[in-house]
Amino acid sequence: MGKYLDIPFPTVKNPFDGHIHMHRWYLKEKGETFIHGLEEYRKVCGLKYIALASLPSGNPIPVPRDVSNNIMCAFYKLANKDTFAYGGFIYPSYPANEDEMSDMSLVTQLDELNEIGFDGIKMLEGKPNLYAKVNKPLDSDFFEEAFKKMEKEGTYLLMHAVDPQSFWTDATESNIARGWYYGDNDKYPHYTDIYNQIDNVLKKHPSLNLCLAHFFFLSENPEKLEDMFEKYKNFNVDITPGGEMYIGFNKRYDYFKSFFEKYQDRIIFGTDMDYTPHLESGIWLCDRVYRFLATDETISSFDDHMIKGIKLSDEAVQKITSDNLLNKLNKQPREINKDALRRYIAKYKHLIEDKELVDYIGELENEYLV
């Protein structure tokens, strides 16, 4: 077997990467657009479906985070069949101010994204750096009506909450440069605060169709996940790396092999790859996560570690890499409502600072929304 699997997902029907980001849609210096760019990734990895998780808010590095990310995902979904997309909330300023959001409350935004044809919601508001900017606890009244609406309507919610505990203690150059060190500034919540807030949200909304990304950063404390699985019927986690997760999985190899088999209905496959900067690394991630699930190979992995695959049953691999998420999303992508997308662009395009991008969106409107 070579660098990657010769036959991607050899035992899986309709493999599905449920956690991808789209960070750019054009490179000014090359004049290239990427409305079809992820099709190469899909083909190389043998994927039937992908899901784009929009990031319209947060750290602007390396590219702007604004409403254009929602618009980009909608156009990509319109232009590429077998693509799902999760929209995200936008904020006209930080900290979030309810008075400035009278015509764009979170509930209003949910209605708009649903009308456009998004398949779910992505929230990064539980990641400490965006949490600090929005400055609203996850269990506060600010989010309450949105969570209530999502629970009632069964909306799929993919949320990033917390981060590796080492981000509060390891002041590495890389963590600091990426805004991932939280130990020297009281503006950031402690990781226990965010865990407690998620517990409170689920206590109030026990049927919320919630998937917490990156295994909820609990590879060192999976017993907490077991308790959550037993309490909340719609609660899931995905296994998008963080490499620290997989190192943690191997520390308790036999336990996690049994864990993944037992909870095969509650775990979702994804890579967290971000296109365009990291196509090659996305392919590598897709291959590595699949091999971890489906083989007992010892493979080079994250942070120069070697990990051994847990070789799950074919049934478990099928559910984790395809069926679980397809069942959450009603089996197929929703169609884009062109009129609703056109109205959304007209309402929010003033929030996009890159005027060349605004012009490009106009070109896409003329091409796809006629």
Protein backbone atom coordinates (compact mmCIF):
# COMPACT_ATOMS: atom_id res chain seq x y z
CA MET A 1 0.00 0.00 0.00
CA GLY A 2 1.38 3.37 -0.98
CA LYS A 3 1.17 6.83 0.50
CA TYR A 4 -2.61 6.75 0.32
CA LEU A 5 -5.11 3.96 -0.02
CA ASP A 6 -5.12 2.62 -3.57
CA ILE A 7 -8.91 2.34 -3.38
CA PRO A 8 -10.34 5.10 -1.17
CA PHE A 9 -12.93 3.84 1.31
CA PRO A 10 -12.93 0.32 -0.19
CA THR A 11 -15.73 -1.02 2.02
CA VAL A 12 -17.90 2.10 2.32
CA LYS A 13 -20.99 3.05 0.35
CA ASN A 14 -21.38 6.82 -0.15
CA PRO A 15 -18.40 8.02 1.95
CA PHE A 16 -18.99 11.46 3.42
CA ASP A 17 -16.55 14.06 4.77
CA GLY A 18 -18.85 15.96 7.09
CA HIS A 19 -16.53 18.78 8.18
CA ILE A 20 -14.75 20.91 5.54
CA HIS A 21 -14.04 24.63 5.37
CA MET A 22 -13.80 26.85 2.32
CA HIS A 23 -11.43 29.71 3.10
CA ARG A 24 -11.01 31.28 -0.31
CA TRP A 25 -12.93 31.37 -3.51
CA TYR A 26 -10.50 33.23 -5.64
CA LEU A 27 -6.81 34.11 -5.78
CA LYS A 28 -6.37 37.63 -7.07
CA GLU A 29 -2.80 37.03 -8.14
CA LYS A 30 -3.78 34.06 -10.32
CA GLY A 31 -7.25 35.10 -11.35
CA GLU A 32 -8.52 31.68 -10.32
CA THR A 33 -11.91 30.92 -8.86
CA PHE A 34 -12.79 27.86 -6.83
CA ILE A 35 -16.48 27.26 -7.36
CA HIS A 36 -15.49 23.75 -8.43
CA GLY A 37 -12.19 23.48 -6.58
CA LEU A 38 -13.10 20.82 -4.03
CA GLU A 39 -14.11 18.37 -6.73
CA GLU A 40 -10.45 17.33 -6.99
CA TYR A 41 -10.43 16.56 -3.27
CA ARG A 42 -13.67 14.62 -3.58
CA LYS A 43 -12.33 12.58 -6.50
CA VAL A 44 -8.92 11.78 -5.03
CA CYS A 45 -10.46 10.71 -1.72
CA GLY A 46 -13.30 8.76 -3.30
CA LEU A 47 -15.96 10.81 -1.51
CA LYS A 48 -19.59 10.82 -2.55
CA TYR A 49 -20.58 13.72 -0.28
CA ILE A 50 -18.92 16.67 1.40
CA ALA A 51 -20.28 19.20 3.89
CA LEU A 52 -18.99 22.78 3.96
CA ALA A 53 -19.02 24.39 7.40
CA SER A 54 -19.19 28.14 6.98
CA LEU A 55 -17.02 30.37 9.18
CA PRO A 56 -18.46 33.89 8.80
CA SER A 57 -17.23 35.07 12.19
CA GLY A 58 -14.01 34.87 14.13
CA ASN A 59 -10.29 35.36 13.69
CA PRO A 60 -9.74 37.09 10.30
CA ILE A 61 -6.36 35.42 9.73
CA PRO A 62 -5.50 34.20 7.10
CA VAL A 63 -8.60 35.47 5.28
CA PRO A 64 -11.57 37.68 6.23
CA ARG A 65 -14.34 36.07 8.24
CA ASP A 66 -17.58 37.71 7.24
CA VAL A 67 -20.93 36.99 5.63
CA SER A 68 -19.20 36.20 2.33
CA ASN A 69 -18.39 32.75 3.75
CA ASN A 70 -22.09 31.91 4.01
CA ILE A 71 -22.64 33.23 0.48
CA MET A 72 -19.66 31.28 -0.84
CA CYS A 73 -20.95 28.03 0.65
CA ALA A 74 -24.40 28.61 -0.83
CA PHE A 75 -22.98 29.18 -4.32
CA TYR A 76 -20.75 26.14 -4.01
CA LYS A 77 -23.74 24.05 -2.98
CA LEU A 78 -25.72 25.47 -5.89
CA ALA A 79 -22.97 24.64 -8.40
CA ASN A 80 -21.94 21.21 -7.08
CA LYS A 81 -24.40 18.43 -6.45
CA ASP A 82 -23.83 16.11 -3.48
CA THR A 83 -22.66 19.07 -1.38
CA PHE A 84 -24.17 19.89 2.00
CA ALA A 85 -23.49 23.17 3.81
CA TYR A 86 -23.92 24.58 7.30
CA GLY A 87 -24.43 28.33 7.63
CA GLY A 88 -23.04 30.44 10.45
CA PHE A 89 -24.17 33.43 12.48
CA ILE A 90 -22.85 36.92 11.67
CA TYR A 91 -22.33 39.87 13.99
CA PRO A 92 -22.15 43.48 12.83
CA SER A 93 -19.68 44.29 15.63
CA TYR A 94 -17.92 42.79 18.63
CA PRO A 95 -18.81 42.24 21.40
CA ALA A 96 -22.19 41.14 20.11
CA ASN A 97 -24.79 43.81 20.75
CA GLU A 98 -28.47 42.88 20.63
CA ASP A 99 -29.45 46.49 19.89
CA GLU A 100 -27.43 46.40 16.65
CA MET A 101 -29.07 43.13 15.60
CA SER A 102 -32.73 44.10 15.63
CA ASP A 103 -33.26 43.00 12.02
CA MET A 104 -30.71 40.18 12.15
CA SER A 105 -31.33 38.40 15.43
CA LEU A 106 -30.01 34.86 15.63
CA VAL A 107 -33.55 33.53 15.16
CA THR A 108 -33.97 35.75 12.09
CA GLN A 109 -30.69 34.46 10.73
CA LEU A 110 -31.78 30.88 11.33
CA ASP A 111 -34.92 31.52 9.28
CA GLU A 112 -32.92 33.15 6.48
CA LEU A 113 -30.34 30.35 6.27
CA ASN A 114 -33.05 27.72 6.35
CA GLU A 115 -35.00 29.47 3.59
CA ILE A 116 -31.87 29.61 1.42
CA GLY A 117 -31.48 25.84 1.75
CA PHE A 118 -28.63 25.30 4.18
CA ASP A 119 -28.54 21.84 5.70
CA GLY A 120 -27.59 22.88 9.22
CA ILE A 121 -25.74 25.41 11.35
CA LYS A 122 -22.06 25.68 12.22
CA MET A 123 -21.11 27.48 15.44
CA LEU A 124 -17.54 28.41 16.28
CA GLU A 125 -18.73 30.54 19.18
CA GLY A 126 -17.53 27.91 21.68
CA LYS A 127 -13.91 28.24 20.53
CA PRO A 128 -12.26 30.53 23.10
CA ASN A 129 -10.97 33.19 20.70
CA LEU A 130 -14.39 33.76 19.07
CA TYR A 131 -16.10 33.26 22.43
CA ALA A 132 -14.04 36.20 23.74
CA LYS A 133 -14.99 38.39 20.76
CA VAL A 134 -18.72 37.66 20.92
CA ASN A 135 -18.50 37.86 24.72
CA LYS A 136 -21.67 35.88 25.39
CA PRO A 137 -21.72 32.63 27.41
CA LEU A 138 -23.16 29.74 25.43
CA ASP A 139 -25.84 29.19 28.07
CA SER A 140 -26.83 32.87 28.19
CA ASP A 141 -30.13 34.41 27.11
CA PHE A 142 -28.38 35.70 23.98
CA PHE A 143 -28.34 32.20 22.43
CA GLU A 144 -31.39 30.78 24.18
CA GLU A 145 -34.06 31.43 21.54
CA ALA A 146 -31.80 30.13 18.77
CA PHE A 147 -31.13 26.87 20.62
CA LYS A 148 -34.84 26.55 21.41
CA LYS A 149 -35.71 26.98 17.73
CA MET A 150 -33.04 24.53 16.58
CA GLU A 151 -34.25 21.93 19.07
CA LYS A 152 -37.87 22.35 18.01
CA GLU A 153 -37.10 22.14 14.29
CA GLY A 154 -34.47 19.39 14.55
CA THR A 155 -31.80 21.59 12.97
CA TYR A 156 -28.42 19.88 12.74
CA LEU A 157 -25.90 21.93 14.74
CA LEU A 158 -22.17 21.35 14.35
CA MET A 159 -20.40 23.22 17.15
CA HIS A 160 -16.77 23.75 18.06
CA ALA A 161 -16.65 24.07 21.84
CA VAL A 162 -13.50 24.29 23.98
CA ASP A 163 -10.03 23.46 22.63
CA PRO A 164 -7.24 21.13 23.79
CA GLN A 165 -6.47 21.75 27.44
CA SER A 166 -2.84 22.37 26.50
CA PHE A 167 -3.89 25.65 24.85
CA TRP A 168 -4.34 27.06 28.36
CA THR A 169 -0.85 25.99 29.45
CA ASP A 170 1.48 25.74 26.44
CA ALA A 171 2.58 29.19 25.29
CA THR A 172 4.20 27.86 22.12
CA GLU A 173 5.09 30.20 19.31
CA SER A 174 2.63 28.40 17.02
CA ASN A 175 -0.27 28.64 19.50
CA ILE A 176 0.37 32.32 20.14
CA ALA A 177 0.67 33.14 16.43
CA ARG A 178 -2.65 31.44 15.67
CA GLY A 179 -4.46 32.97 18.64
CA TRP A 180 -4.68 29.59 20.39
CA TYR A 181 -3.05 30.38 23.72
CA TYR A 182 -5.53 31.33 26.40
CA GLY A 183 -3.53 31.19 29.60
CA ASP A 184 -2.34 34.78 29.95
CA ASN A 185 -5.48 36.82 29.50
CA ASP A 186 -8.60 36.87 31.62
CA LYS A 187 -10.74 37.68 28.60
CA TYR A 188 -10.73 33.96 27.74
CA PRO A 189 -12.95 31.52 29.60
CA HIS A 190 -11.41 28.55 31.34
CA TYR A 191 -12.07 25.28 29.55
CA THR A 192 -14.14 24.03 32.49
CA ASP A 193 -16.45 27.03 32.05
CA ILE A 194 -17.24 26.03 28.46
CA TYR A 195 -17.79 22.38 29.38
CA ASN A 196 -20.22 23.51 32.07
CA GLN A 197 -22.05 25.80 29.66
CA ILE A 198 -22.53 22.99 27.14
CA ASP A 199 -23.90 20.83 29.95
CA ASN A 200 -26.35 23.61 30.81
CA VAL A 201 -27.45 24.01 27.18
CA LEU A 202 -28.17 20.30 26.87
CA LYS A 203 -30.02 20.20 30.18
CA LYS A 204 -32.34 22.92 28.86
CA HIS A 205 -32.51 21.43 25.34
CA PRO A 206 -32.04 17.67 25.71
CA SER A 207 -33.26 16.91 22.17
CA LEU A 208 -30.96 19.42 20.47
CA ASN A 209 -29.53 17.83 17.32
CA LEU A 210 -25.98 18.69 18.41
CA CYS A 211 -22.68 17.38 17.12
CA LEU A 212 -19.61 18.60 19.00
CA ALA A 213 -16.53 18.72 16.80
CA HIS A 214 -13.16 17.18 17.59
CA PHE A 215 -14.58 14.59 20.01
CA PHE A 216 -15.37 17.50 22.34
CA PHE A 217 -11.64 17.32 23.20
CA LEU A 218 -12.36 14.43 25.57
CA SER A 219 -10.00 11.69 24.43
CA GLU A 220 -8.48 11.86 27.92
CA ASN A 221 -11.90 11.73 29.61
CA PRO A 222 -14.23 9.67 27.38
CA GLU A 223 -16.32 8.64 30.36
CA LYS A 224 -17.89 12.10 30.21
CA LEU A 225 -18.94 11.41 26.61
CA GLU A 226 -20.42 8.07 27.62
CA ASP A 227 -22.54 9.87 30.19
CA MET A 228 -23.67 12.45 27.61
CA PHE A 229 -24.54 9.75 25.06
CA GLU A 230 -26.73 8.03 27.63
CA LYS A 231 -28.53 11.26 28.60
CA TYR A 232 -29.07 12.95 25.22
CA LYS A 233 -30.51 10.94 22.35
CA ASN A 234 -29.55 13.37 19.56
CA PHE A 235 -26.05 14.19 20.82
CA ASN A 236 -23.07 13.19 18.67
CA VAL A 237 -19.39 13.95 18.26
CA ASP A 238 -17.22 14.06 15.18
CA ILE A 239 -13.65 12.84 14.97
CA THR A 240 -12.08 15.61 12.94
CA PRO A 241 -8.45 15.90 14.11
CA GLY A 242 -6.87 17.52 16.52
CA GLY A 243 -4.04 15.11 16.48
CA GLU A 244 -4.02 14.99 20.25
CA MET A 245 -7.28 13.00 20.03
CA TYR A 246 -5.69 10.14 18.16
CA ILE A 247 -2.69 10.03 20.45
CA GLY A 248 -5.18 9.85 23.33
CA PHE A 249 -7.11 7.07 21.58
CA ASN A 250 -3.96 4.95 21.36
CA LYS A 251 -3.11 5.47 25.03
CA ARG A 252 -6.22 3.41 25.87
CA TYR A 253 -6.31 1.29 22.74
CA ASP A 254 -8.56 -1.56 23.89
CA TYR A 255 -10.96 0.80 25.64
CA PHE A 256 -11.42 2.99 22.56
CA LYS A 257 -11.78 0.05 20.21
CA SER A 258 -14.74 -1.04 22.35
CA PHE A 259 -15.97 2.55 22.71
CA PHE A 260 -16.14 3.11 18.95
CA GLU A 261 -17.97 -0.17 18.40
CA LYS A 262 -20.43 0.53 21.21
CA TYR A 263 -21.18 4.08 20.09
CA GLN A 264 -20.88 3.55 16.36
CA ASP A 265 -24.23 5.35 15.88
CA ARG A 266 -23.01 8.52 17.63
CA ILE A 267 -19.70 9.25 15.88
CA ILE A 268 -19.25 11.20 12.62
CA PHE A 269 -16.33 11.30 10.17
CA GLY A 270 -14.70 14.53 9.06
CA THR A 271 -11.30 16.06 8.37
CA ASP A 272 -11.61 19.81 9.09
CA MET A 273 -9.58 20.40 5.94
CA ASP A 274 -9.59 23.96 4.66
CA TYR A 275 -9.58 24.61 0.93
CA THR A 276 -7.68 26.13 -0.87
CA PRO A 277 -4.59 26.36 1.33
CA HIS A 278 -4.43 22.74 2.43
CA LEU A 279 -5.67 20.42 -0.31
CA GLU A 280 -2.77 18.01 0.07
CA SER A 281 -3.01 17.90 3.85
CA GLY A 282 -6.77 17.35 3.55
CA ILE A 283 -6.17 14.27 1.42
CA TRP A 284 -3.65 13.05 3.99
CA LEU A 285 -6.12 13.61 6.83
CA CYS A 286 -8.92 11.80 5.02
CA ASP A 287 -6.68 8.81 4.42
CA ARG A 288 -5.31 8.73 7.97
CA VAL A 289 -8.68 8.98 9.73
CA TYR A 290 -10.13 6.24 7.53
CA ARG A 291 -7.14 3.97 8.17
CA PHE A 292 -7.45 4.55 11.90
CA LEU A 293 -11.07 3.40 11.80
CA ALA A 294 -10.87 0.56 9.30
CA THR A 295 -7.41 -1.02 9.63
CA ASP A 296 -4.99 -2.15 12.31
CA GLU A 297 -2.02 -0.63 10.51
CA THR A 298 0.55 1.37 12.42
CA ILE A 299 0.78 4.60 10.47
CA SER A 300 2.61 7.90 10.65
CA SER A 301 0.27 10.41 12.14
CA PHE A 302 0.01 13.67 14.00
CA ASP A 303 2.86 15.53 15.70
CA ASP A 304 5.37 12.92 14.46
CA HIS A 305 3.61 10.16 16.40
CA MET A 306 2.78 6.71 15.13
CA ILE A 307 -0.72 5.41 15.81
CA LYS A 308 -2.30 2.01 15.40
CA GLY A 309 -5.68 1.64 13.74
CA ILE A 310 -8.55 0.14 15.74
CA LYS A 311 -9.99 -1.93 12.83
CA LEU A 312 -13.67 -1.57 13.50
CA SER A 313 -16.33 -3.82 12.01
CA ASP A 314 -17.46 -2.98 8.49
CA GLU A 315 -20.84 -2.01 9.92
CA ALA A 316 -19.29 0.51 12.31
CA VAL A 317 -17.05 1.97 9.60
CA GLN A 318 -20.04 2.37 7.27
CA LYS A 319 -22.05 4.20 9.91
CA ILE A 320 -19.25 6.50 11.04
CA THR A 321 -18.00 7.44 7.56
CA SER A 322 -21.41 7.86 5.92
CA ASP A 323 -24.71 6.70 7.35
CA ASN A 324 -24.80 8.57 10.66
CA LEU A 325 -24.51 12.00 9.10
CA LEU A 326 -26.69 11.21 6.10
CA ASN A 327 -29.42 10.14 8.51
CA LYS A 328 -29.02 13.41 10.42
CA LEU A 329 -29.35 15.39 7.19
CA ASN A 330 -32.34 13.58 5.67
CA LYS A 331 -30.25 11.58 3.18
CA GLN A 332 -29.61 14.26 0.56
CA PRO A 333 -28.60 17.94 0.24
CA ARG A 334 -31.34 20.51 0.23
CA GLU A 335 -31.85 22.62 -2.87
CA ILE A 336 -30.83 26.26 -2.88
CA ASN A 337 -33.68 28.75 -3.09
CA LYS A 338 -32.27 31.29 -5.55
CA ASP A 339 -34.68 34.07 -4.61
CA ALA A 340 -33.86 33.67 -0.92
CA LEU A 341 -30.13 33.74 -1.65
CA ARG A 342 -30.53 36.86 -3.75
CA ARG A 343 -32.41 38.59 -0.91
CA TYR A 344 -29.75 37.51 1.59
CA ILE A 345 -26.95 38.96 -0.54
CA ALA A 346 -28.81 42.25 -0.96
CA LYS A 347 -29.38 42.52 2.80
CA TYR A 348 -25.88 41.67 4.00
CA LYS A 349 -23.35 42.46 1.28
CA HIS A 350 -22.61 45.85 2.86
CA LEU A 351 -20.84 43.92 5.63
CA ILE A 352 -18.20 42.63 3.16
CA GLU A 353 -15.15 44.89 3.22
CA ASP A 354 -13.41 43.39 0.17
CA LYS A 355 -15.03 45.31 -2.71
CA GLU A 356 -13.48 43.07 -5.36
CA LEU A 357 -15.21 40.17 -3.66
CA VAL A 358 -18.51 42.07 -3.71
CA ASP A 359 -18.04 42.54 -7.47
CA TYR A 360 -17.26 38.85 -7.88
CA ILE A 361 -20.41 37.92 -5.97
CA GLY A 362 -22.30 40.08 -8.45
CA GLU A 363 -20.78 38.05 -11.29
CA LEU A 364 -21.87 34.83 -9.60
CA GLU A 365 -25.38 36.20 -9.15
CA ASN A 366 -25.57 36.87 -12.87
CA GLU A 367 -24.31 33.37 -13.62
CA TYR A 368 -26.22 31.28 -11.10
CA LEU A 369 -29.23 33.26 -9.88
CA VAL A 370 -30.88 34.22 -13.14
